[in-house]
PDB file of N, CA and C in Angstrom:
ATOM      1  N   VAL A   1      -4.168  -3.769   7.133  1.00  0.00           N
ATOM      2  CA  VAL A   1      -4.584  -3.183   8.104  1.00  0.00           C
ATOM      3  C   VAL A   1      -3.216  -3.406   9.393  1.00  0.00           C
ATOM      4  N   ALA A   2      -2.559  -2.225   9.207  1.00  0.00           N
ATOM      5  CA  ALA A   2      -1.583  -2.321  10.491  1.00  0.00           C
ATOM      6  C   ALA A   2      -1.164  -1.227  10.852  1.00  0.00           C
ATOM      7  N   LEU A   3      -0.873  -1.922  12.271  1.00  0.00           N
ATOM      8  CA  LEU A   3      -0.434  -0.543  13.871  1.00  0.00           C
ATOM      9  C   LEU A   3       0.061   0.221  13.240  1.00  0.00           C
ATOM     10  N   GLN A   4       0.178   1.791  13.823  1.00  0.00           N
ATOM     11  CA  GLN A   4       0.411   2.537  13.219  1.00  0.00           C
ATOM     12  C   GLN A   4       1.826   2.855  13.864  1.00  0.00           C
ATOM     13  N   ALA A   5       2.029   1.930  15.372  1.00  0.00           N
ATOM     14  CA  ALA A   5       3.752   2.191  15.233  1.00  0.00           C
ATOM     15  C   ALA A   5       4.296   0.925  16.183  1.00  0.00           C
ATOM     16  N   ASN A   6       5.140   0.432  16.400  1.00  0.00           N
ATOM     17  CA  ASN A   6       5.479  -0.479  17.061  1.00  0.00           C
ATOM     18  C   ASN A   6       6.389   0.243  18.199  1.00  0.00           C
ATOM     19  N   VAL A   7       5.820  -0.411  19.522  1.00  0.00           N
ATOM     20  CA  VAL A   7       6.577   0.909  21.016  1.00  0.00           C
ATOM     21  C   VAL A   7       7.427  -0.454  21.226  1.00  0.00           C
ATOM     22  N   THR A   8       7.663  -1.813  20.932  1.00  0.00           N
ATOM     23  CA  THR A   8       8.392  -2.725  21.632  1.00  0.00           C
ATOM     24  C   THR A   8       9.905  -3.042  21.438  1.00  0.00           C
ATOM     25  N   PRO A   9      11.288  -2.907  22.592  1.00  0.00           N
ATOM     26  CA  PRO A   9      12.215  -2.911  22.188  1.00  0.00           C
ATOM     27  C   PRO A   9      12.774  -3.659  21.268  1.00  0.00           C
ATOM     28  N   GLY A  10      13.778  -3.857  19.890  1.00  0.00           N
ATOM     29  CA  GLY A  10      13.476  -3.956  19.310  1.00  0.00           C
ATOM     30  C   GLY A  10      13.286  -3.858  18.027  1.00  0.00           C
ATOM     31  N   GLY A  11      11.451  -3.815  17.833  1.00  0.00           N
ATOM     32  CA  GLY A  11      10.733  -3.744  17.120  1.00  0.00           C
ATOM     33  C   GLY A  11       9.745  -5.527  16.941  1.00  0.00           C
ATOM     34  N   GLN A  12      10.082  -6.111  17.936  1.00  0.00           N
ATOM     35  CA  GLN A  12       9.638  -7.287  17.849  1.00  0.00           C
ATOM     36  C   GLN A  12       8.314  -7.113  18.915  1.00  0.00           C
ATOM     37  N   TYR A  13       7.708  -8.025  18.141  1.00  0.00           N
ATOM     38  CA  TYR A  13       6.196  -8.404  19.271  1.00  0.00           C
ATOM     39  C   TYR A  13       6.276  -8.531  20.663  1.00  0.00           C
ATOM     40  N   ILE A  14       5.405  -8.737  22.063  1.00  0.00           N
ATOM     41  CA  ILE A  14       5.916  -9.402  22.556  1.00  0.00           C
ATOM     42  C   ILE A  14       4.989 -10.610  22.917  1.00  0.00           C
ATOM     43  N   ALA A  15       5.251 -11.633  23.277  1.00  0.00           N
ATOM     44  CA  ALA A  15       4.480 -13.213  22.810  1.00  0.00           C
ATOM     45  C   ALA A  15       3.814 -12.647  24.482  1.00  0.00           C
ATOM     46  N   GLY A  16       2.834 -12.959  24.359  1.00  0.00           N
ATOM     47  CA  GLY A  16       1.729 -12.963  25.605  1.00  0.00           C
ATOM     48  C   GLY A  16       1.521 -14.488  26.241  1.00  0.00           C
ATOM     49  N   THR A  17       0.912 -14.208  27.641  1.00  0.00           N
ATOM     50  CA  THR A  17       0.833 -15.615  27.943  1.00  0.00           C
ATOM     51  C   THR A  17      -0.193 -16.160  28.026  1.00  0.00           C
ATOM     52  N   LYS A  18      -0.987 -17.805  27.219  1.00  0.00           N
ATOM     53  CA  LYS A  18      -1.779 -17.709  26.982  1.00  0.00           C
ATOM     54  C   LYS A  18      -2.384 -18.595  28.157  1.00  0.00           C
ATOM     55  N   SER A  19      -3.571 -18.805  27.911  1.00  0.00           N
ATOM     56  CA  SER A  19      -4.612 -20.063  28.651  1.00  0.00           C
ATOM     57  C   SER A  19      -5.912 -19.932  28.607  1.00  0.00           C
ATOM     58  N   ALA A  20      -6.868 -20.989  28.750  1.00  0.00           N
ATOM     59  CA  ALA A  20      -8.266 -21.219  28.636  1.00  0.00           C
ATOM     60  C   ALA A  20      -9.010 -20.944  29.728  1.00  0.00           C
ATOM     61  N   PRO A  21      -9.619 -19.715  30.184  1.00  0.00           N
ATOM     62  CA  PRO A  21     -10.403 -19.540  31.193  1.00  0.00           C
ATOM     63  C   PRO A  21     -11.344 -20.054  31.610  1.00  0.00           C
ATOM     64  N   GLY A  22     -11.903 -20.537  30.514  1.00  0.00           N
ATOM     65  CA  GLY A  22     -13.407 -20.795  30.414  1.00  0.00           C
ATOM     66  C   GLY A  22     -13.679 -22.003  28.998  1.00  0.00           C
ATOM     67  N   SER A  23     -14.258 -22.911  28.864  1.00  0.00           N
ATOM     68  CA  SER A  23     -14.838 -23.669  27.974  1.00  0.00           C
ATOM     69  C   SER A  23     -14.828 -23.439  26.880  1.00  0.00           C
ATOM     70  N   LYS A  24     -14.347 -23.117  25.599  1.00  0.00           N
ATOM     71  CA  LYS A  24     -14.013 -22.647  24.458  1.00  0.00           C
ATOM     72  C   LYS A  24     -13.356 -20.995  24.406  1.00  0.00           C
ATOM     73  N   GLN A  25     -12.794 -21.108  25.491  1.00  0.00           N
ATOM     74  CA  GLN A  25     -12.111 -19.475  25.451  1.00  0.00           C
ATOM     75  C   GLN A  25     -10.814 -19.422  25.424  1.00  0.00           C
ATOM     76  N   TYR A  26     -10.280 -18.535  24.800  1.00  0.00           N
ATOM     77  CA  TYR A  26      -8.241 -18.479  24.629  1.00  0.00           C
ATOM     78  C   TYR A  26      -8.031 -16.939  25.226  1.00  0.00           C
ATOM     79  N   LEU A  27      -7.420 -17.083  26.119  1.00  0.00           N
ATOM     80  CA  LEU A  27      -6.687 -15.806  26.631  1.00  0.00           C
ATOM     81  C   LEU A  27      -5.879 -15.673  26.297  1.00  0.00           C
ATOM     82  N   THR A  28      -5.037 -14.295  26.204  1.00  0.00           N
ATOM     83  CA  THR A  28      -3.529 -13.972  25.828  1.00  0.00           C
ATOM     84  C   THR A  28      -3.631 -12.974  26.570  1.00  0.00           C
ATOM     85  N   SER A  29      -2.191 -12.487  27.868  1.00  0.00           N
ATOM     86  CA  SER A  29      -2.212 -11.572  28.201  1.00  0.00           C
ATOM     87  C   SER A  29      -0.475 -10.600  27.998  1.00  0.00           C
ATOM     88  N   ALA A  30      -0.758 -10.106  28.041  1.00  0.00           N
ATOM     89  CA  ALA A  30       1.217  -9.693  27.591  1.00  0.00           C
ATOM     90  C   ALA A  30       1.105  -7.743  28.382  1.00  0.00           C
ATOM     91  N   SER A  31       2.427  -7.579  29.154  1.00  0.00           N
ATOM     92  CA  SER A  31       2.617  -6.295  29.498  1.00  0.00           C
ATOM     93  C   SER A  31       3.414  -5.647  29.092  1.00  0.00           C
ATOM     94  N   VAL A  32       3.733  -4.438  28.783  1.00  0.00           N
ATOM     95  CA  VAL A  32       4.382  -3.636  27.732  1.00  0.00           C
ATOM     96  C   VAL A  32       5.038  -2.498  28.828  1.00  0.00           C
ATOM     97  N   THR A  33       6.095  -2.414  28.653  1.00  0.00           N
ATOM     98  CA  THR A  33       7.104  -1.045  30.151  1.00  0.00           C
ATOM     99  C   THR A  33       7.117  -0.158  28.691  1.00  0.00           C
ATOM    100  N   PHE A  34       7.033   0.537  28.967  1.00  0.00           N
ATOM    101  CA  PHE A  34       7.449   1.876  28.096  1.00  0.00           C
ATOM    102  C   PHE A  34       9.178   2.445  28.242  1.00  0.00           C
ATOM    103  N   ALA A  35       9.046   2.867  27.348  1.00  0.00           N
ATOM    104  CA  ALA A  35      10.836   3.803  27.395  1.00  0.00           C
ATOM    105  C   ALA A  35      10.568   4.733  27.643  1.00  0.00           C
ATOM    106  N   ALA A  36       9.410   5.572  26.619  1.00  0.00           N
ATOM    107  CA  ALA A  36       9.741   7.184  26.151  1.00  0.00           C
ATOM    108  C   ALA A  36       8.285   7.626  26.573  1.00  0.00           C
ATOM    109  N   ALA A  37       7.426   8.337  26.839  1.00  0.00           N
ATOM    110  CA  ALA A  37       6.589   8.928  27.211  1.00  0.00           C
ATOM    111  C   ALA A  37       5.970   9.468  25.850  1.00  0.00           C
ATOM    112  N   GLY A  38       4.510   9.093  25.622  1.00  0.00           N
ATOM    113  CA  GLY A  38       3.408   8.888  24.582  1.00  0.00           C
ATOM    114  C   GLY A  38       2.535   8.788  25.216  1.00  0.00           C
ATOM    115  N   ASN A  39       1.440   8.785  23.807  1.00  0.00           N
ATOM    116  CA  ASN A  39       0.128   7.966  23.936  1.00  0.00           C
ATOM    117  C   ASN A  39       0.418   7.138  23.353  1.00  0.00           C
ATOM    118  N   ILE A  40      -0.997   6.064  24.158  1.00  0.00           N
ATOM    119  CA  ILE A  40      -1.155   4.109  23.460  1.00  0.00           C
ATOM    120  C   ILE A  40      -2.126   4.370  22.997  1.00  0.00           C
ATOM    121  N   GLN A  41      -2.624   4.332  21.643  1.00  0.00           N
ATOM    122  CA  GLN A  41      -4.315   4.013  21.459  1.00  0.00           C
ATOM    123  C   GLN A  41      -4.966   2.912  20.600  1.00  0.00           C
ATOM    124  N   GLU A  42      -3.634   2.027  20.337  1.00  0.00           N
ATOM    125  CA  GLU A  42      -4.301   0.510  19.818  1.00  0.00           C
ATOM    126  C   GLU A  42      -3.547  -0.719  20.302  1.00  0.00           C
ATOM    127  N   HIS A  43      -3.742  -1.916  20.290  1.00  0.00           N
ATOM    128  CA  HIS A  43      -3.133  -3.140  20.718  1.00  0.00           C
ATOM    129  C   HIS A  43      -3.246  -3.839  19.392  1.00  0.00           C
ATOM    130  N   GLY A  44      -2.246  -4.776  18.997  1.00  0.00           N
ATOM    131  CA  GLY A  44      -2.570  -5.741  17.883  1.00  0.00           C
ATOM    132  C   GLY A  44      -2.558  -6.859  18.207  1.00  0.00           C
ATOM    133  N   LEU A  45      -3.150  -8.122  18.147  1.00  0.00           N
ATOM    134  CA  LEU A  45      -2.510  -9.668  18.137  1.00  0.00           C
ATOM    135  C   LEU A  45      -2.326 -10.037  16.754  1.00  0.00           C
ATOM    136  N   PHE A  46      -1.042 -10.460  16.840  1.00  0.00           N
ATOM    137  CA  PHE A  46      -0.424 -10.978  15.969  1.00  0.00           C
ATOM    138  C   PHE A  46      -0.333 -12.801  15.949  1.00  0.00           C
ATOM    139  N   SER A  47       0.498 -13.626  14.488  1.00  0.00           N
ATOM    140  CA  SER A  47       0.375 -14.556  14.589  1.00  0.00           C
ATOM    141  C   SER A  47       1.661 -15.029  15.659  1.00  0.00           C
ATOM    142  N   GLN A  48       2.235 -14.675  15.531  1.00  0.00           N
ATOM    143  CA  GLN A  48       3.985 -14.752  16.054  1.00  0.00           C
ATOM    144  C   GLN A  48       4.964 -13.312  16.460  1.00  0.00           C
ATOM    145  N   ALA A  49       5.907 -13.507  17.490  1.00  0.00           N
ATOM    146  CA  ALA A  49       6.562 -12.778  18.077  1.00  0.00           C
ATOM    147  C   ALA A  49       7.202 -11.745  16.768  1.00  0.00           C
ATOM    148  N   ASN A  50       7.733 -12.301  15.840  1.00  0.00           N
ATOM    149  CA  ASN A  50       8.490 -11.623  14.907  1.00  0.00           C
ATOM    150  C   ASN A  50       7.944 -11.189  13.398  1.00  0.00           C
ATOM    151  N   PRO A  51       7.762  -9.720  13.383  1.00  0.00           N
ATOM    152  CA  PRO A  51       7.000  -8.818  12.754  1.00  0.00           C
ATOM    153  C   PRO A  51       6.980  -9.552  11.430  1.00  0.00           C
ATOM    154  N   SER A  52       8.430  -9.731  10.606  1.00  0.00           N
ATOM    155  CA  SER A  52       8.774 -10.708   9.746  1.00  0.00           C
ATOM    156  C   SER A  52       7.668 -11.735   9.359  1.00  0.00           C
ATOM    157  N   GLY A  53       5.980 -11.002   8.386  1.00  0.00           N
ATOM    158  CA  GLY A  53       5.563 -12.347   8.016  1.00  0.00           C
ATOM    159  C   GLY A  53       4.752 -13.010   9.142  1.00  0.00           C
ATOM    160  N   ALA A  54       4.404 -11.755  10.265  1.00  0.00           N
ATOM    161  CA  ALA A  54       3.237 -11.746  11.242  1.00  0.00           C
ATOM    162  C   ALA A  54       1.946 -11.471  10.811  1.00  0.00           C
ATOM    163  N   VAL A  55       0.931 -12.468  10.760  1.00  0.00           N
ATOM    164  CA  VAL A  55      -0.791 -11.794  10.283  1.00  0.00           C
ATOM    165  C   VAL A  55      -1.114 -11.141  11.605  1.00  0.00           C
ATOM    166  N   LEU A  56      -1.553 -10.223  11.191  1.00  0.00           N
ATOM    167  CA  LEU A  56      -2.679  -9.466  12.675  1.00  0.00           C
ATOM    168  C   LEU A  56      -3.896 -10.271  12.313  1.00  0.00           C
ATOM    169  N   TRP A  57      -4.191 -10.274  13.822  1.00  0.00           N
ATOM    170  CA  TRP A  57      -5.500 -11.563  13.794  1.00  0.00           C
ATOM    171  C   TRP A  57      -6.650 -10.456  14.521  1.00  0.00           C
ATOM    172  N   ASP A  58      -6.203  -9.118  15.108  1.00  0.00           N
ATOM    173  CA  ASP A  58      -6.837  -8.236  16.104  1.00  0.00           C
ATOM    174  C   ASP A  58      -6.784  -6.857  16.683  1.00  0.00           C
ATOM    175  N   ARG A  59      -6.948  -6.059  15.823  1.00  0.00           N
ATOM    176  CA  ARG A  59      -6.732  -4.287  16.177  1.00  0.00           C
ATOM    177  C   ARG A  59      -8.311  -4.083  17.010  1.00  0.00           C
ATOM    178  N   THR A  60      -7.195  -3.542  18.252  1.00  0.00           N
ATOM    179  CA  THR A  60      -8.196  -2.655  18.882  1.00  0.00           C
ATOM    180  C   THR A  60      -7.513  -1.513  18.825  1.00  0.00           C
ATOM    181  N   VAL A  61      -8.569  -0.115  19.025  1.00  0.00           N
ATOM    182  CA  VAL A  61      -8.263   1.427  18.857  1.00  0.00           C
ATOM    183  C   VAL A  61      -9.109   1.470  19.693  1.00  0.00           C
ATOM    184  N   PHE A  62      -8.184   2.808  20.730  1.00  0.00           N
ATOM    185  CA  PHE A  62      -9.493   2.951  22.283  1.00  0.00           C
ATOM    186  C   PHE A  62      -8.990   4.875  22.392  1.00  0.00           C
ATOM    187  N   SER A  63      -9.544   5.414  22.743  1.00  0.00           N
ATOM    188  CA  SER A  63      -8.678   6.714  23.403  1.00  0.00           C
ATOM    189  C   SER A  63      -7.433   6.527  24.043  1.00  0.00           C
ATOM    190  N   PRO A  64      -6.724   7.637  23.648  1.00  0.00           N
ATOM    191  CA  PRO A  64      -5.517   7.453  23.901  1.00  0.00           C
ATOM    192  C   PRO A  64      -5.283   7.442  25.592  1.00  0.00           C
ATOM    193  N   ILE A  65      -4.276   6.740  25.929  1.00  0.00           N
ATOM    194  CA  ILE A  65      -3.650   5.963  26.854  1.00  0.00           C
ATOM    195  C   ILE A  65      -2.327   6.936  27.234  1.00  0.00           C
ATOM    196  N   GLY A  66      -1.886   8.272  28.151  1.00  0.00           N
ATOM    197  CA  GLY A  66      -0.473   9.018  28.155  1.00  0.00           C
ATOM    198  C   GLY A  66       0.186   7.807  29.411  1.00  0.00           C
ATOM    199  N   VAL A  67       1.390   7.780  28.714  1.00  0.00           N
ATOM    200  CA  VAL A  67       2.200   6.916  29.280  1.00  0.00           C
ATOM    201  C   VAL A  67       3.713   7.997  29.076  1.00  0.00           C
ATOM    202  N   SER A  68       4.475   7.216  30.649  1.00  0.00           N
ATOM    203  CA  SER A  68       6.032   8.200  31.190  1.00  0.00           C
ATOM    204  C   SER A  68       6.722   6.916  30.909  1.00  0.00           C
ATOM    205  N   PRO A  69       7.634   7.254  31.057  1.00  0.00           N
ATOM    206  CA  PRO A  69       8.844   6.520  30.931  1.00  0.00           C
ATOM    207  C   PRO A  69       8.832   5.508  32.266  1.00  0.00           C
ATOM    208  N   GLN A  70       9.154   4.170  31.820  1.00  0.00           N
ATOM    209  CA  GLN A  70       9.054   3.030  33.321  1.00  0.00           C
ATOM    210  C   GLN A  70       7.020   2.905  33.502  1.00  0.00           C
ATOM    211  N   ASP A  71       6.220   3.506  32.522  1.00  0.00           N
ATOM    212  CA  ASP A  71       4.667   2.809  32.735  1.00  0.00           C
ATOM    213  C   ASP A  71       4.449   1.813  32.494  1.00  0.00           C
ATOM    214  N   ALA A  72       3.702   0.824  32.496  1.00  0.00           N
ATOM    215  CA  ALA A  72       3.060  -0.129  32.486  1.00  0.00           C
ATOM    216  C   ALA A  72       1.591  -0.616  32.081  1.00  0.00           C
ATOM    217  N   ILE A  73       1.767  -1.375  30.576  1.00  0.00           N
ATOM    218  CA  ILE A  73       0.396  -1.534  30.031  1.00  0.00           C
ATOM    219  C   ILE A  73      -0.243  -3.329  30.021  1.00  0.00           C
ATOM    220  N   THR A  74      -0.968  -3.630  31.194  1.00  0.00           N
ATOM    221  CA  THR A  74      -1.853  -5.472  30.581  1.00  0.00           C
ATOM    222  C   THR A  74      -2.014  -5.457  29.521  1.00  0.00           C
ATOM    223  N   PHE A  75      -2.051  -5.422  28.313  1.00  0.00           N
ATOM    224  CA  PHE A  75      -3.130  -6.219  26.905  1.00  0.00           C
ATOM    225  C   PHE A  75      -3.521  -6.792  27.367  1.00  0.00           C
ATOM    226  N   GLN A  76      -4.830  -7.678  27.465  1.00  0.00           N
ATOM    227  CA  GLN A  76      -5.281  -8.736  27.402  1.00  0.00           C
ATOM    228  C   GLN A  76      -6.538  -9.027  26.084  1.00  0.00           C
ATOM    229  N   TYR A  77      -6.846 -10.141  25.600  1.00  0.00           N
ATOM    230  CA  TYR A  77      -7.577 -10.438  24.371  1.00  0.00           C
ATOM    231  C   TYR A  77      -7.808 -11.711  25.147  1.00  0.00           C
ATOM    232  N   THR A  78      -9.351 -11.730  25.235  1.00  0.00           N
ATOM    233  CA  THR A  78     -10.135 -13.288  25.173  1.00  0.00           C
ATOM    234  C   THR A  78     -11.195 -13.533  24.206  1.00  0.00           C
ATOM    235  N   LEU A  79     -10.959 -14.459  22.859  1.00  0.00           N
ATOM    236  CA  LEU A  79     -11.073 -15.451  22.327  1.00  0.00           C
ATOM    237  C   LEU A  79     -12.475 -16.041  22.526  1.00  0.00           C
ATOM    238  N   THR A  80     -13.960 -16.139  22.252  1.00  0.00           N
ATOM    239  CA  THR A  80     -14.851 -16.938  22.869  1.00  0.00           C
ATOM    240  C   THR A  80     -15.509 -17.727  21.414  1.00  0.00           C
ATOM    241  N   ILE A  81     -15.318 -18.722  21.266  1.00  0.00           N
ATOM    242  CA  ILE A  81     -16.081 -19.868  20.442  1.00  0.00           C
ATOM    243  C   ILE A  81     -17.007 -20.149  20.002  1.00  0.00           C
ATOM    244  N   ASN A  82     -18.293 -19.564  19.720  1.00  0.00           N
ATOM    245  CA  ASN A  82     -19.714 -20.017  19.477  1.00  0.00           C
ATOM    246  C   ASN A  82     -19.934 -21.805  19.516  1.00  0.00           C
ATOM    247  N   SER A  83     -20.943 -22.395  20.001  1.00  0.00           N
ATOM    248  CA  SER A  83     -20.950 -23.615  18.984  1.00  0.00           C
ATOM    249  C   SER A  83     -21.230 -23.834  18.182  1.00  0.00           C
ATOM    250  N   GLY A  84     -21.099 -24.701  17.404  1.00  0.00           N
ATOM    251  CA  GLY A  84     -22.040 -24.431  15.958  1.00  0.00           C
ATOM    252  C   GLY A  84     -21.543 -23.468  15.613  1.00  0.00           C
ATOM    253  N   GLY A  85     -20.486 -22.845  15.664  1.00  0.00           N
ATOM    254  CA  GLY A  85     -20.671 -21.294  14.515  1.00  0.00           C
ATOM    255  C   GLY A  85     -19.417 -20.953  14.507  1.00  0.00           C
TER     256      GLY A  85
END
């Protein structure tokens, strides 16, 4: 499964800021500023910023969000690891 379209400049993925907000949690957060109007309805978390060879770790599809030029959306993903599993 792949994302339907890449909206980032130059075709590269945006590297998120990584943190550990809690025990056994991994958080990544990245903001995207849009150059053109459109509808955004999916988000992907990849293994690296270069699309060549990147592995899609998580894909989220949601109701369309309308954006205009210079609008920005911050995407966050939190992974929580359960003990013993």
